[in-house]
Amino acid sequence: MFYKKFGSVVRVLRNKYISSVIVFVVWILFFDRNDLWTQWDRKHELQKLETSKTFYEQEIATTKKDLMDLNNNPAVLEKFAREKFYLKKPSEEIFIIDDSTQEKK
């Protein structure tokens, strides 16, 4: 019984068209430059890049909004200059309190 099934498989494999299709499929799946695993890795890398793209698009939108606020609102511009660059008006004094010295007590 086993030999009958095995014989039918051998007869099918002797067909040059079927055997060439099998060889072609095996070559494409395992030995080609764009084999199955490479495609899988590229798909996952594309997903990662798309998520980072959405993150950066959101960051760009936030930055553009902040830039519009800085260009249109002088109070926001003054606040930004005071916080980031420690700028002051001529009649003011600035005291910078370091939190690390307070924690040592």
PDB file of N, CA and C in Angstrom:
ATOM      1  N   MET A   1       0.826  -1.187   0.000  1.00  0.00           N
ATOM      2  CA  MET A   1       0.000   0.000   0.000  1.00  0.00           C
ATOM      3  C   MET A   1       0.877   1.260   0.000  1.00  0.00           C
ATOM      4  N   PHE A   2       1.903   1.258   0.815  1.00  0.00           N
ATOM      5  CA  PHE A   2       2.811   2.394   0.861  1.00  0.00           C
ATOM      6  C   PHE A   2       3.494   2.601  -0.492  1.00  0.00           C
ATOM      7  N   TYR A   3       3.847   1.496  -1.128  1.00  0.00           N
ATOM      8  CA  TYR A   3       4.542   1.587  -2.409  1.00  0.00           C
ATOM      9  C   TYR A   3       3.641   2.138  -3.501  1.00  0.00           C
ATOM     10  N   LYS A   4       2.337   1.864  -3.403  1.00  0.00           N
ATOM     11  CA  LYS A   4       1.412   2.411  -4.398  1.00  0.00           C
ATOM     12  C   LYS A   4       1.331   3.930  -4.274  1.00  0.00           C
ATOM     13  N   LYS A   5       1.238   4.439  -3.040  1.00  0.00           N
ATOM     14  CA  LYS A   5       1.177   5.875  -2.834  1.00  0.00           C
ATOM     15  C   LYS A   5       2.515   6.520  -3.208  1.00  0.00           C
ATOM     16  N   PHE A   6       3.589   5.881  -2.822  1.00  0.00           N
ATOM     17  CA  PHE A   6       4.908   6.401  -3.140  1.00  0.00           C
ATOM     18  C   PHE A   6       5.136   6.410  -4.652  1.00  0.00           C
ATOM     19  N   GLY A   7       4.657   5.385  -5.312  1.00  0.00           N
ATOM     20  CA  GLY A   7       4.792   5.304  -6.769  1.00  0.00           C
ATOM     21  C   GLY A   7       4.025   6.410  -7.465  1.00  0.00           C
ATOM     22  N   SER A   8       2.847   6.755  -6.969  1.00  0.00           N
ATOM     23  CA  SER A   8       2.076   7.833  -7.597  1.00  0.00           C
ATOM     24  C   SER A   8       2.768   9.185  -7.380  1.00  0.00           C
ATOM     25  N   VAL A   9       3.407   9.366  -6.232  1.00  0.00           N
ATOM     26  CA  VAL A   9       4.151  10.597  -5.979  1.00  0.00           C
ATOM     27  C   VAL A   9       5.346  10.693  -6.919  1.00  0.00           C
ATOM     28  N   VAL A  10       6.026   9.588  -7.135  1.00  0.00           N
ATOM     29  CA  VAL A  10       7.176   9.564  -8.032  1.00  0.00           C
ATOM     30  C   VAL A  10       6.729   9.869  -9.459  1.00  0.00           C
ATOM     31  N   ARG A  11       5.579   9.329  -9.879  1.00  0.00           N
ATOM     32  CA  ARG A  11       5.068   9.605 -11.222  1.00  0.00           C
ATOM     33  C   ARG A  11       4.752  11.097 -11.413  1.00  0.00           C
ATOM     34  N   VAL A  12       4.194  11.708 -10.383  1.00  0.00           N
ATOM     35  CA  VAL A  12       3.877  13.137 -10.473  1.00  0.00           C
ATOM     36  C   VAL A  12       5.164  13.952 -10.529  1.00  0.00           C
ATOM     37  N   LEU A  13       6.158  13.583  -9.741  1.00  0.00           N
ATOM     38  CA  LEU A  13       7.417  14.325  -9.718  1.00  0.00           C
ATOM     39  C   LEU A  13       8.227  14.148 -11.003  1.00  0.00           C
ATOM     40  N   ARG A  14       7.979  13.085 -11.729  1.00  0.00           N
ATOM     41  CA  ARG A  14       8.688  12.887 -12.997  1.00  0.00           C
ATOM     42  C   ARG A  14       8.205  13.855 -14.079  1.00  0.00           C
ATOM     43  N   ASN A  15       7.034  14.410 -13.874  1.00  0.00           N
ATOM     44  CA  ASN A  15       6.530  15.395 -14.822  1.00  0.00           C
ATOM     45  C   ASN A  15       7.429  16.619 -14.739  1.00  0.00           C
ATOM     46  N   LYS A  16       8.003  17.032 -15.869  1.00  0.00           N
ATOM     47  CA  LYS A  16       8.995  18.109 -15.845  1.00  0.00           C
ATOM     48  C   LYS A  16       8.381  19.454 -15.463  1.00  0.00           C
ATOM     49  N   TYR A  17       7.127  19.671 -15.757  1.00  0.00           N
ATOM     50  CA  TYR A  17       6.491  20.942 -15.420  1.00  0.00           C
ATOM     51  C   TYR A  17       6.246  21.059 -13.908  1.00  0.00           C
ATOM     52  N   ILE A  18       5.759  20.002 -13.328  1.00  0.00           N
ATOM     53  CA  ILE A  18       5.492  20.024 -11.893  1.00  0.00           C
ATOM     54  C   ILE A  18       6.790  20.109 -11.110  1.00  0.00           C
ATOM     55  N   SER A  19       7.787  19.343 -11.519  1.00  0.00           N
ATOM     56  CA  SER A  19       9.059  19.392 -10.798  1.00  0.00           C
ATOM     57  C   SER A  19       9.724  20.758 -10.950  1.00  0.00           C
ATOM     58  N   SER A  20       9.611  21.383 -12.120  1.00  0.00           N
ATOM     59  CA  SER A  20      10.209  22.715 -12.272  1.00  0.00           C
ATOM     60  C   SER A  20       9.458  23.754 -11.439  1.00  0.00           C
ATOM     61  N   VAL A  21       8.153  23.631 -11.304  1.00  0.00           N
ATOM     62  CA  VAL A  21       7.382  24.543 -10.451  1.00  0.00           C
ATOM     63  C   VAL A  21       7.787  24.348  -8.995  1.00  0.00           C
ATOM     64  N   ILE A  22       7.958  23.135  -8.567  1.00  0.00           N
ATOM     65  CA  ILE A  22       8.368  22.856  -7.189  1.00  0.00           C
ATOM     66  C   ILE A  22       9.753  23.440  -6.920  1.00  0.00           C
ATOM     67  N   VAL A  23      10.687  23.256  -7.832  1.00  0.00           N
ATOM     68  CA  VAL A  23      12.028  23.806  -7.669  1.00  0.00           C
ATOM     69  C   VAL A  23      11.966  25.326  -7.630  1.00  0.00           C
ATOM     70  N   PHE A  24      11.158  25.928  -8.489  1.00  0.00           N
ATOM     71  CA  PHE A  24      11.016  27.385  -8.514  1.00  0.00           C
ATOM     72  C   PHE A  24      10.453  27.909  -7.193  1.00  0.00           C
ATOM     73  N   VAL A  25       9.429  27.283  -6.669  1.00  0.00           N
ATOM     74  CA  VAL A  25       8.815  27.719  -5.414  1.00  0.00           C
ATOM     75  C   VAL A  25       9.802  27.582  -4.254  1.00  0.00           C
ATOM     76  N   VAL A  26      10.516  26.478  -4.195  1.00  0.00           N
ATOM     77  CA  VAL A  26      11.509  26.285  -3.137  1.00  0.00           C
ATOM     78  C   VAL A  26      12.611  27.342  -3.253  1.00  0.00           C
ATOM     79  N   TRP A  27      13.034  27.627  -4.472  1.00  0.00           N
ATOM     80  CA  TRP A  27      14.072  28.645  -4.667  1.00  0.00           C
ATOM     81  C   TRP A  27      13.594  30.011  -4.195  1.00  0.00           C
ATOM     82  N   ILE A  28      12.396  30.384  -4.565  1.00  0.00           N
ATOM     83  CA  ILE A  28      11.854  31.694  -4.180  1.00  0.00           C
ATOM     84  C   ILE A  28      11.659  31.782  -2.665  1.00  0.00           C
ATOM     85  N   LEU A  29      11.176  30.732  -2.041  1.00  0.00           N
ATOM     86  CA  LEU A  29      10.882  30.772  -0.611  1.00  0.00           C
ATOM     87  C   LEU A  29      12.130  30.768   0.263  1.00  0.00           C
ATOM     88  N   PHE A  30      13.183  30.098  -0.163  1.00  0.00           N
ATOM     89  CA  PHE A  30      14.303  29.892   0.738  1.00  0.00           C
ATOM     90  C   PHE A  30      15.638  30.471   0.275  1.00  0.00           C
ATOM     91  N   PHE A  31      15.905  30.522  -1.014  1.00  0.00           N
ATOM     92  CA  PHE A  31      17.248  30.872  -1.476  1.00  0.00           C
ATOM     93  C   PHE A  31      17.352  32.229  -2.155  1.00  0.00           C
ATOM     94  N   ASP A  32      16.270  32.826  -2.489  1.00  0.00           N
ATOM     95  CA  ASP A  32      16.289  34.088  -3.212  1.00  0.00           C
ATOM     96  C   ASP A  32      16.710  35.230  -2.294  1.00  0.00           C
ATOM     97  N   ARG A  33      17.121  36.332  -2.896  1.00  0.00           N
ATOM     98  CA  ARG A  33      17.521  37.506  -2.123  1.00  0.00           C
ATOM     99  C   ARG A  33      16.328  38.065  -1.343  1.00  0.00           C
ATOM    100  N   ASN A  34      15.143  37.941  -1.864  1.00  0.00           N
ATOM    101  CA  ASN A  34      13.923  38.410  -1.217  1.00  0.00           C
ATOM    102  C   ASN A  34      13.108  37.219  -0.706  1.00  0.00           C
ATOM    103  N   ASP A  35      13.748  36.380   0.074  1.00  0.00           N
ATOM    104  CA  ASP A  35      13.076  35.177   0.552  1.00  0.00           C
ATOM    105  C   ASP A  35      12.011  35.501   1.595  1.00  0.00           C
ATOM    106  N   LEU A  36      11.385  34.479   2.098  1.00  0.00           N
ATOM    107  CA  LEU A  36      10.257  34.628   3.004  1.00  0.00           C
ATOM    108  C   LEU A  36      10.637  35.370   4.283  1.00  0.00           C
ATOM    109  N   TRP A  37      11.765  35.059   4.873  1.00  0.00           N
ATOM    110  CA  TRP A  37      12.174  35.690   6.126  1.00  0.00           C
ATOM    111  C   TRP A  37      12.549  37.156   5.922  1.00  0.00           C
ATOM    112  N   THR A  38      13.169  37.446   4.815  1.00  0.00           N
ATOM    113  CA  THR A  38      13.519  38.830   4.514  1.00  0.00           C
ATOM    114  C   THR A  38      12.263  39.673   4.361  1.00  0.00           C
ATOM    115  N   GLN A  39      11.271  39.137   3.683  1.00  0.00           N
ATOM    116  CA  GLN A  39      10.006  39.855   3.529  1.00  0.00           C
ATOM    117  C   GLN A  39       9.339  40.074   4.872  1.00  0.00           C
ATOM    118  N   TRP A  40       9.409  39.093   5.744  1.00  0.00           N
ATOM    119  CA  TRP A  40       8.815  39.210   7.080  1.00  0.00           C
ATOM    120  C   TRP A  40       9.517  40.302   7.881  1.00  0.00           C
ATOM    121  N   ASP A  41      10.859  40.335   7.823  1.00  0.00           N
ATOM    122  CA  ASP A  41      11.625  41.374   8.523  1.00  0.00           C
ATOM    123  C   ASP A  41      11.311  42.762   7.972  1.00  0.00           C
ATOM    124  N   ARG A  42      11.212  42.851   6.669  1.00  0.00           N
ATOM    125  CA  ARG A  42      10.903  44.150   6.055  1.00  0.00           C
ATOM    126  C   ARG A  42       9.505  44.630   6.433  1.00  0.00           C
ATOM    127  N   LYS A  43       8.576  43.714   6.541  1.00  0.00           N
ATOM    128  CA  LYS A  43       7.215  44.088   6.931  1.00  0.00           C
ATOM    129  C   LYS A  43       7.205  44.662   8.344  1.00  0.00           C
ATOM    130  N   HIS A  44       7.923  44.038   9.265  1.00  0.00           N
ATOM    131  CA  HIS A  44       7.988  44.531  10.636  1.00  0.00           C
ATOM    132  C   HIS A  44       8.742  45.864  10.713  1.00  0.00           C
ATOM    133  N   GLU A  45       9.779  46.012   9.930  1.00  0.00           N
ATOM    134  CA  GLU A  45      10.507  47.274   9.915  1.00  0.00           C
ATOM    135  C   GLU A  45       9.625  48.398   9.364  1.00  0.00           C
ATOM    136  N   LEU A  46       8.829  48.085   8.362  1.00  0.00           N
ATOM    137  CA  LEU A  46       7.903  49.075   7.805  1.00  0.00           C
ATOM    138  C   LEU A  46       6.864  49.499   8.838  1.00  0.00           C
ATOM    139  N   GLN A  47       6.375  48.559   9.626  1.00  0.00           N
ATOM    140  CA  GLN A  47       5.415  48.898  10.680  1.00  0.00           C
ATOM    141  C   GLN A  47       6.050  49.820  11.722  1.00  0.00           C
ATOM    142  N   LYS A  48       7.284  49.530  12.102  1.00  0.00           N
ATOM    143  CA  LYS A  48       7.981  50.395  13.063  1.00  0.00           C
ATOM    144  C   LYS A  48       8.170  51.803  12.499  1.00  0.00           C
ATOM    145  N   LEU A  49       8.555  51.879  11.234  1.00  0.00           N
ATOM    146  CA  LEU A  49       8.776  53.180  10.616  1.00  0.00           C
ATOM    147  C   LEU A  49       7.472  53.968  10.475  1.00  0.00           C
ATOM    148  N   GLU A  50       6.376  53.275  10.227  1.00  0.00           N
ATOM    149  CA  GLU A  50       5.091  53.973  10.130  1.00  0.00           C
ATOM    150  C   GLU A  50       4.650  54.523  11.480  1.00  0.00           C
ATOM    151  N   THR A  51       4.907  53.776  12.559  1.00  0.00           N
ATOM    152  CA  THR A  51       4.551  54.303  13.878  1.00  0.00           C
ATOM    153  C   THR A  51       5.439  55.490  14.248  1.00  0.00           C
ATOM    154  N   SER A  52       6.718  55.420  13.909  1.00  0.00           N
ATOM    155  CA  SER A  52       7.583  56.570  14.188  1.00  0.00           C
ATOM    156  C   SER A  52       7.208  57.754  13.304  1.00  0.00           C
ATOM    157  N   LYS A  53       6.722  57.490  12.101  1.00  0.00           N
ATOM    158  CA  LYS A  53       6.281  58.570  11.222  1.00  0.00           C
ATOM    159  C   LYS A  53       5.100  59.306  11.834  1.00  0.00           C
ATOM    160  N   THR A  54       4.143  58.576  12.383  1.00  0.00           N
ATOM    161  CA  THR A  54       2.990  59.234  13.012  1.00  0.00           C
ATOM    162  C   THR A  54       3.433  60.031  14.237  1.00  0.00           C
ATOM    163  N   PHE A  55       4.377  59.492  14.996  1.00  0.00           N
ATOM    164  CA  PHE A  55       4.888  60.219  16.158  1.00  0.00           C
ATOM    165  C   PHE A  55       5.518  61.539  15.727  1.00  0.00           C
ATOM    166  N   TYR A  56       6.367  61.506  14.706  1.00  0.00           N
ATOM    167  CA  TYR A  56       7.040  62.723  14.265  1.00  0.00           C
ATOM    168  C   TYR A  56       6.074  63.706  13.605  1.00  0.00           C
ATOM    169  N   GLU A  57       5.043  63.194  12.953  1.00  0.00           N
ATOM    170  CA  GLU A  57       4.037  64.099  12.405  1.00  0.00           C
ATOM    171  C   GLU A  57       3.308  64.839  13.521  1.00  0.00           C
ATOM    172  N   GLN A  58       3.034  64.152  14.616  1.00  0.00           N
ATOM    173  CA  GLN A  58       2.403  64.809  15.758  1.00  0.00           C
ATOM    174  C   GLN A  58       3.347  65.836  16.387  1.00  0.00           C
ATOM    175  N   GLU A  59       4.621  65.499  16.480  1.00  0.00           N
ATOM    176  CA  GLU A  59       5.601  66.437  17.020  1.00  0.00           C
ATOM    177  C   GLU A  59       5.727  67.680  16.134  1.00  0.00           C
ATOM    178  N   ILE A  60       5.698  67.489  14.835  1.00  0.00           N
ATOM    179  CA  ILE A  60       5.779  68.621  13.912  1.00  0.00           C
ATOM    180  C   ILE A  60       4.562  69.519  14.073  1.00  0.00           C
ATOM    181  N   ALA A  61       3.387  68.912  14.202  1.00  0.00           N
ATOM    182  CA  ALA A  61       2.170  69.711  14.380  1.00  0.00           C
ATOM    183  C   ALA A  61       2.231  70.512  15.680  1.00  0.00           C
ATOM    184  N   THR A  62       2.709  69.893  16.757  1.00  0.00           N
ATOM    185  CA  THR A  62       2.837  70.591  18.039  1.00  0.00           C
ATOM    186  C   THR A  62       3.850  71.735  17.943  1.00  0.00           C
ATOM    187  N   THR A  63       4.963  71.492  17.287  1.00  0.00           N
ATOM    188  CA  THR A  63       5.991  72.509  17.142  1.00  0.00           C
ATOM    189  C   THR A  63       5.497  73.673  16.285  1.00  0.00           C
ATOM    190  N   LYS A  64       4.754  73.374  15.224  1.00  0.00           N
ATOM    191  CA  LYS A  64       4.200  74.444  14.394  1.00  0.00           C
ATOM    192  C   LYS A  64       3.214  75.294  15.186  1.00  0.00           C
ATOM    193  N   LYS A  65       2.410  74.640  16.034  1.00  0.00           N
ATOM    194  CA  LYS A  65       1.463  75.379  16.865  1.00  0.00           C
ATOM    195  C   LYS A  65       2.217  76.288  17.838  1.00  0.00           C
ATOM    196  N   ASP A  66       3.259  75.758  18.461  1.00  0.00           N
ATOM    197  CA  ASP A  66       4.068  76.572  19.382  1.00  0.00           C
ATOM    198  C   ASP A  66       4.728  77.743  18.665  1.00  0.00           C
ATOM    199  N   LEU A  67       5.200  77.504  17.451  1.00  0.00           N
ATOM    200  CA  LEU A  67       5.826  78.571  16.676  1.00  0.00           C
ATOM    201  C   LEU A  67       4.822  79.660  16.322  1.00  0.00           C
ATOM    202  N   MET A  68       3.611  79.262  15.960  1.00  0.00           N
ATOM    203  CA  MET A  68       2.568  80.250  15.676  1.00  0.00           C
ATOM    204  C   MET A  68       2.250  81.068  16.924  1.00  0.00           C
ATOM    205  N   ASP A  69       2.191  80.401  18.075  1.00  0.00           N
ATOM    206  CA  ASP A  69       1.954  81.132  19.324  1.00  0.00           C
ATOM    207  C   ASP A  69       3.083  82.113  19.614  1.00  0.00           C
ATOM    208  N   LEU A  70       4.325  81.700  19.389  1.00  0.00           N
ATOM    209  CA  LEU A  70       5.462  82.589  19.633  1.00  0.00           C
ATOM    210  C   LEU A  70       5.458  83.789  18.685  1.00  0.00           C
ATOM    211  N   ASN A  71       5.058  83.562  17.447  1.00  0.00           N
ATOM    212  CA  ASN A  71       5.054  84.653  16.472  1.00  0.00           C
ATOM    213  C   ASN A  71       3.890  85.621  16.681  1.00  0.00           C
ATOM    214  N   ASN A  72       2.760  85.140  17.201  1.00  0.00           N
ATOM    215  CA  ASN A  72       1.558  85.969  17.278  1.00  0.00           C
ATOM    216  C   ASN A  72       1.275  86.547  18.660  1.00  0.00           C
ATOM    217  N   ASN A  73       1.798  85.963  19.706  1.00  0.00           N
ATOM    218  CA  ASN A  73       1.453  86.393  21.056  1.00  0.00           C
ATOM    219  C   ASN A  73       2.721  86.862  21.779  1.00  0.00           C
ATOM    220  N   PRO A  74       2.837  88.154  22.057  1.00  0.00           N
ATOM    221  CA  PRO A  74       4.051  88.635  22.735  1.00  0.00           C
ATOM    222  C   PRO A  74       4.192  88.132  24.169  1.00  0.00           C
ATOM    223  N   ALA A  75       3.089  87.823  24.840  1.00  0.00           N
ATOM    224  CA  ALA A  75       3.189  87.301  26.207  1.00  0.00           C
ATOM    225  C   ALA A  75       3.818  85.904  26.209  1.00  0.00           C
ATOM    226  N   VAL A  76       3.456  85.088  25.217  1.00  0.00           N
ATOM    227  CA  VAL A  76       4.051  83.746  25.111  1.00  0.00           C
ATOM    228  C   VAL A  76       5.528  83.852  24.757  1.00  0.00           C
ATOM    229  N   LEU A  77       5.871  84.797  23.900  1.00  0.00           N
ATOM    230  CA  LEU A  77       7.270  84.999  23.538  1.00  0.00           C
ATOM    231  C   LEU A  77       8.088  85.432  24.748  1.00  0.00           C
ATOM    232  N   GLU A  78       7.536  86.324  25.556  1.00  0.00           N
ATOM    233  CA  GLU A  78       8.237  86.771  26.760  1.00  0.00           C
ATOM    234  C   GLU A  78       8.410  85.620  27.746  1.00  0.00           C
ATOM    235  N   LYS A  79       7.373  84.811  27.921  1.00  0.00           N
ATOM    236  CA  LYS A  79       7.457  83.665  28.838  1.00  0.00           C
ATOM    237  C   LYS A  79       8.527  82.682  28.359  1.00  0.00           C
ATOM    238  N   PHE A  80       8.542  82.409  27.058  1.00  0.00           N
ATOM    239  CA  PHE A  80       9.531  81.492  26.493  1.00  0.00           C
ATOM    240  C   PHE A  80      10.953  82.015  26.716  1.00  0.00           C
ATOM    241  N   ALA A  81      11.165  83.300  26.471  1.00  0.00           N
ATOM    242  CA  ALA A  81      12.503  83.887  26.650  1.00  0.00           C
ATOM    243  C   ALA A  81      12.928  83.858  28.103  1.00  0.00           C
ATOM    244  N   ARG A  82      11.999  84.093  29.012  1.00  0.00           N
ATOM    245  CA  ARG A  82      12.346  84.067  30.436  1.00  0.00           C
ATOM    246  C   ARG A  82      12.679  82.653  30.916  1.00  0.00           C
ATOM    247  N   GLU A  83      11.918  81.657  30.448  1.00  0.00           N
ATOM    248  CA  GLU A  83      12.136  80.286  30.921  1.00  0.00           C
ATOM    249  C   GLU A  83      13.366  79.639  30.292  1.00  0.00           C
ATOM    250  N   LYS A  84      13.548  79.809  29.012  1.00  0.00           N
ATOM    251  CA  LYS A  84      14.616  79.091  28.313  1.00  0.00           C
ATOM    252  C   LYS A  84      15.964  79.799  28.376  1.00  0.00           C
ATOM    253  N   PHE A  85      15.949  81.130  28.297  1.00  0.00           N
ATOM    254  CA  PHE A  85      17.205  81.856  28.191  1.00  0.00           C
ATOM    255  C   PHE A  85      17.493  82.732  29.412  1.00  0.00           C
ATOM    256  N   TYR A  86      16.652  82.646  30.421  1.00  0.00           N
ATOM    257  CA  TYR A  86      16.816  83.395  31.668  1.00  0.00           C
ATOM    258  C   TYR A  86      16.952  84.908  31.408  1.00  0.00           C
ATOM    259  N   LEU A  87      16.170  85.417  30.474  1.00  0.00           N
ATOM    260  CA  LEU A  87      16.183  86.846  30.193  1.00  0.00           C
ATOM    261  C   LEU A  87      15.326  87.570  31.226  1.00  0.00           C
ATOM    262  N   LYS A  88      15.619  88.838  31.407  1.00  0.00           N
ATOM    263  CA  LYS A  88      14.888  89.615  32.408  1.00  0.00           C
ATOM    264  C   LYS A  88      14.719  91.043  31.916  1.00  0.00           C
ATOM    265  N   LYS A  89      13.804  91.740  32.570  1.00  0.00           N
ATOM    266  CA  LYS A  89      13.640  93.166  32.302  1.00  0.00           C
ATOM    267  C   LYS A  89      14.748  93.911  33.048  1.00  0.00           C
ATOM    268  N   PRO A  90      15.073  95.131  32.645  1.00  0.00           N
ATOM    269  CA  PRO A  90      16.196  95.860  33.285  1.00  0.00           C
ATOM    270  C   PRO A  90      16.013  96.085  34.781  1.00  0.00           C
ATOM    271  N   SER A  91      14.800  96.190  35.259  1.00  0.00           N
ATOM    272  CA  SER A  91      14.592  96.486  36.684  1.00  0.00           C
ATOM    273  C   SER A  91      14.372  95.229  37.528  1.00  0.00           C
ATOM    274  N   GLU A  92      14.555  94.058  36.976  1.00  0.00           N
ATOM    275  CA  GLU A  92      14.292  92.810  37.705  1.00  0.00           C
ATOM    276  C   GLU A  92      15.586  92.107  38.081  1.00  0.00           C
ATOM    277  N   GLU A  93      15.449  91.237  39.090  1.00  0.00           N
ATOM    278  CA  GLU A  93      16.533  90.334  39.457  1.00  0.00           C
ATOM    279  C   GLU A  93      15.989  88.916  39.371  1.00  0.00           C
ATOM    280  N   ILE A  94      16.830  87.986  38.965  1.00  0.00           N
ATOM    281  CA  ILE A  94      16.414  86.592  38.812  1.00  0.00           C
ATOM    282  C   ILE A  94      17.137  85.758  39.861  1.00  0.00           C
ATOM    283  N   PHE A  95      16.360  84.961  40.563  1.00  0.00           N
ATOM    284  CA  PHE A  95      16.911  84.013  41.523  1.00  0.00           C
ATOM    285  C   PHE A  95      16.632  82.602  41.018  1.00  0.00           C
ATOM    286  N   ILE A  96      17.669  81.823  40.812  1.00  0.00           N
ATOM    287  CA  ILE A  96      17.518  80.438  40.361  1.00  0.00           C
ATOM    288  C   ILE A  96      17.726  79.553  41.567  1.00  0.00           C
ATOM    289  N   ILE A  97      16.697  78.784  41.895  1.00  0.00           N
ATOM    290  CA  ILE A  97      16.742  77.900  43.053  1.00  0.00           C
ATOM    291  C   ILE A  97      17.008  76.487  42.553  1.00  0.00           C
ATOM    292  N   ASP A  98      18.069  75.900  43.064  1.00  0.00           N
ATOM    293  CA  ASP A  98      18.436  74.546  42.671  1.00  0.00           C
ATOM    294  C   ASP A  98      17.774  73.570  43.639  1.00  0.00           C
ATOM    295  N   ASP A  99      16.968  72.660  43.128  1.00  0.00           N
ATOM    296  CA  ASP A  99      16.241  71.712  43.976  1.00  0.00           C
ATOM    297  C   ASP A  99      17.156  70.686  44.631  1.00  0.00           C
ATOM    298  N   SER A 100      18.298  70.421  44.043  1.00  0.00           N
ATOM    299  CA  SER A 100      19.176  69.395  44.603  1.00  0.00           C
ATOM    300  C   SER A 100      19.774  69.834  45.946  1.00  0.00           C
ATOM    301  N   THR A 101      19.964  71.122  46.159  1.00  0.00           N
ATOM    302  CA  THR A 101      20.510  71.575  47.446  1.00  0.00           C
ATOM    303  C   THR A 101      19.461  71.491  48.541  1.00  0.00           C
ATOM    304  N   GLN A 102      18.200  71.621  48.213  1.00  0.00           N
ATOM    305  CA  GLN A 102      17.144  71.527  49.210  1.00  0.00           C
ATOM    306  C   GLN A 102      16.926  70.087  49.655  1.00  0.00           C
ATOM    307  N   GLU A 103      17.153  69.128  48.801  1.00  0.00           N
ATOM    308  CA  GLU A 103      16.947  67.726  49.138  1.00  0.00           C
ATOM    309  C   GLU A 103      18.016  67.190  50.081  1.00  0.00           C
ATOM    310  N   LYS A 104      19.187  67.805  50.156  1.00  0.00           N
ATOM    311  CA  LYS A 104      20.277  67.324  50.997  1.00  0.00           C
ATOM    312  C   LYS A 104      20.021  67.577  52.474  1.00  0.00           C
ATOM    313  N   LYS A 105      19.153  68.514  52.804  1.00  0.00           N
ATOM    314  CA  LYS A 105      18.905  68.858  54.207  1.00  0.00           C
ATOM    315  C   LYS A 105      18.152  67.808  54.936  1.00  0.00           C
TER     316      LYS A 105
END
